[in-house]
Amino acid sequence: MAGAWERARILITVKTYPELSTKYRETSCVAGIRLDRGTPEHVRLFPVPFRLLS
């Protein structure tokens, strides 16, 4: 279901170097392992605006 918001429990394992973007400001691509389903699975989260998170 592309584009739908979903709450998930994810163990973050990798974060890229921040990249400037005109659309998203400064973002990082993040990858992790989803832990809230029966079998752990790899997931990619993009974009993540780390400097704007509280």
N, C-alpha and C. Protein backbone atom coordinates (compact mmCIF):
# COMPACT_ATOMS: atom_id res chain seq x y z
N MET A 1 0.84 -1.17 0.00
CA MET A 1 0.00 0.00 0.00
C MET A 1 0.89 1.24 0.00
N ALA A 2 1.33 1.67 -1.13
CA ALA A 2 2.25 2.81 -1.24
C ALA A 2 1.57 4.11 -0.85
N GLY A 3 2.28 4.93 -0.07
CA GLY A 3 1.77 6.24 0.30
C GLY A 3 0.94 6.27 1.58
N ALA A 4 0.57 5.12 2.12
CA ALA A 4 -0.25 5.09 3.33
C ALA A 4 0.65 5.17 4.57
N TRP A 5 0.19 5.88 5.58
CA TRP A 5 0.93 5.97 6.83
C TRP A 5 0.67 4.72 7.65
N GLU A 6 1.70 4.23 8.31
CA GLU A 6 1.59 3.04 9.12
C GLU A 6 2.55 3.15 10.30
N ARG A 7 2.10 2.78 11.48
CA ARG A 7 2.97 2.79 12.66
C ARG A 7 3.66 1.43 12.72
N ALA A 8 4.99 1.45 12.99
CA ALA A 8 5.76 0.21 13.02
C ALA A 8 6.86 0.31 14.07
N ARG A 9 7.31 -0.82 14.55
CA ARG A 9 8.45 -0.88 15.48
C ARG A 9 9.66 -1.30 14.66
N ILE A 10 10.63 -0.38 14.52
CA ILE A 10 11.78 -0.60 13.66
C ILE A 10 13.07 -0.33 14.41
N LEU A 11 14.02 -1.26 14.31
CA LEU A 11 15.35 -1.08 14.87
C LEU A 11 16.20 -0.45 13.77
N ILE A 12 16.59 0.81 13.94
CA ILE A 12 17.38 1.53 12.93
C ILE A 12 18.79 0.95 12.93
N THR A 13 19.29 0.57 11.75
CA THR A 13 20.62 -0.03 11.64
C THR A 13 21.58 0.81 10.80
N VAL A 14 21.07 1.61 9.86
CA VAL A 14 21.92 2.38 8.95
C VAL A 14 21.31 3.75 8.70
N LYS A 15 22.17 4.78 8.69
CA LYS A 15 21.74 6.14 8.34
C LYS A 15 22.79 6.73 7.42
N THR A 16 22.35 7.32 6.31
CA THR A 16 23.31 7.93 5.38
C THR A 16 23.70 9.33 5.83
N TYR A 17 24.73 9.85 5.19
CA TYR A 17 25.16 11.22 5.42
C TYR A 17 24.05 12.16 4.96
N PRO A 18 23.71 13.20 5.73
CA PRO A 18 22.64 14.13 5.32
C PRO A 18 22.90 14.76 3.95
N GLU A 19 21.86 14.87 3.17
CA GLU A 19 21.92 15.42 1.81
C GLU A 19 20.96 16.60 1.72
N LEU A 20 21.39 17.69 1.10
CA LEU A 20 20.51 18.84 0.92
C LEU A 20 19.53 18.56 -0.21
N SER A 21 18.29 18.98 -0.01
CA SER A 21 17.23 18.75 -1.00
C SER A 21 16.34 19.98 -1.05
N THR A 22 15.99 20.42 -2.25
CA THR A 22 15.09 21.58 -2.36
C THR A 22 13.67 21.22 -1.96
N LYS A 23 13.30 19.97 -2.14
CA LYS A 23 11.94 19.53 -1.81
C LYS A 23 11.79 19.19 -0.33
N TYR A 24 12.79 18.48 0.26
CA TYR A 24 12.68 17.99 1.64
C TYR A 24 13.63 18.68 2.62
N ARG A 25 14.37 19.69 2.19
CA ARG A 25 15.40 20.37 2.98
C ARG A 25 16.58 19.43 3.17
N GLU A 26 16.98 19.14 4.39
CA GLU A 26 18.10 18.23 4.63
C GLU A 26 17.55 16.89 5.08
N THR A 27 17.87 15.85 4.35
CA THR A 27 17.30 14.54 4.65
C THR A 27 18.38 13.46 4.67
N SER A 28 18.03 12.34 5.27
CA SER A 28 18.88 11.16 5.29
C SER A 28 18.04 9.95 4.95
N CYS A 29 18.63 9.02 4.23
CA CYS A 29 17.97 7.75 3.98
C CYS A 29 18.30 6.85 5.17
N VAL A 30 17.33 6.14 5.67
CA VAL A 30 17.49 5.31 6.86
C VAL A 30 16.99 3.91 6.55
N ALA A 31 17.70 2.92 7.05
CA ALA A 31 17.27 1.53 6.89
C ALA A 31 17.26 0.87 8.26
N GLY A 32 16.42 -0.14 8.38
CA GLY A 32 16.33 -0.84 9.65
C GLY A 32 15.66 -2.19 9.50
N ILE A 33 15.38 -2.78 10.64
CA ILE A 33 14.73 -4.09 10.68
C ILE A 33 13.40 -3.93 11.39
N ARG A 34 12.33 -4.30 10.71
CA ARG A 34 10.99 -4.21 11.28
C ARG A 34 10.78 -5.37 12.25
N LEU A 35 10.40 -5.04 13.49
CA LEU A 35 10.30 -6.04 14.54
C LEU A 35 8.89 -6.35 15.00
N ASP A 36 7.89 -5.68 14.45
CA ASP A 36 6.53 -5.86 14.97
C ASP A 36 5.71 -6.87 14.19
N ARG A 37 6.34 -7.62 13.32
CA ARG A 37 5.66 -8.71 12.60
C ARG A 37 6.31 -10.02 13.00
N GLY A 38 5.74 -11.11 12.63
CA GLY A 38 6.27 -12.42 13.03
C GLY A 38 7.73 -12.62 12.68
N THR A 39 8.10 -12.37 11.44
CA THR A 39 9.49 -12.53 10.98
C THR A 39 10.09 -11.16 10.75
N PRO A 40 11.28 -10.87 11.32
CA PRO A 40 11.92 -9.57 11.07
C PRO A 40 12.16 -9.38 9.58
N GLU A 41 11.98 -8.13 9.10
CA GLU A 41 12.20 -7.85 7.68
C GLU A 41 12.88 -6.49 7.53
N HIS A 42 13.71 -6.37 6.50
CA HIS A 42 14.41 -5.11 6.22
C HIS A 42 13.43 -4.09 5.65
N VAL A 43 13.60 -2.82 6.09
CA VAL A 43 12.78 -1.73 5.58
C VAL A 43 13.67 -0.53 5.29
N ARG A 44 13.23 0.31 4.36
CA ARG A 44 13.93 1.55 4.02
C ARG A 44 12.98 2.70 4.28
N LEU A 45 13.47 3.72 4.98
CA LEU A 45 12.67 4.89 5.30
C LEU A 45 13.30 6.10 4.62
N PHE A 46 12.52 6.84 3.85
CA PHE A 46 13.06 8.02 3.17
C PHE A 46 11.93 8.96 2.87
N PRO A 47 12.08 10.22 2.99
CA PRO A 47 13.20 10.93 3.62
C PRO A 47 12.94 11.11 5.12
N VAL A 48 14.00 11.21 5.88
CA VAL A 48 13.89 11.44 7.32
C VAL A 48 14.60 12.76 7.63
N PRO A 49 13.86 13.80 8.05
CA PRO A 49 14.47 15.10 8.34
C PRO A 49 15.01 15.16 9.77
N PHE A 50 16.18 14.56 10.03
CA PHE A 50 16.69 14.40 11.40
C PHE A 50 16.81 15.70 12.17
N ARG A 51 17.27 16.77 11.55
CA ARG A 51 17.45 18.04 12.29
C ARG A 51 16.12 18.65 12.73
N LEU A 52 15.02 18.25 12.11
CA LEU A 52 13.71 18.81 12.46
C LEU A 52 12.95 17.94 13.47
N LEU A 53 13.49 16.77 13.82
CA LEU A 53 12.82 15.90 14.79
C LEU A 53 13.06 16.40 16.20
N SER A 54 12.06 16.25 17.05
CA SER A 54 12.25 16.68 18.45
C SER A 54 12.92 15.61 19.28
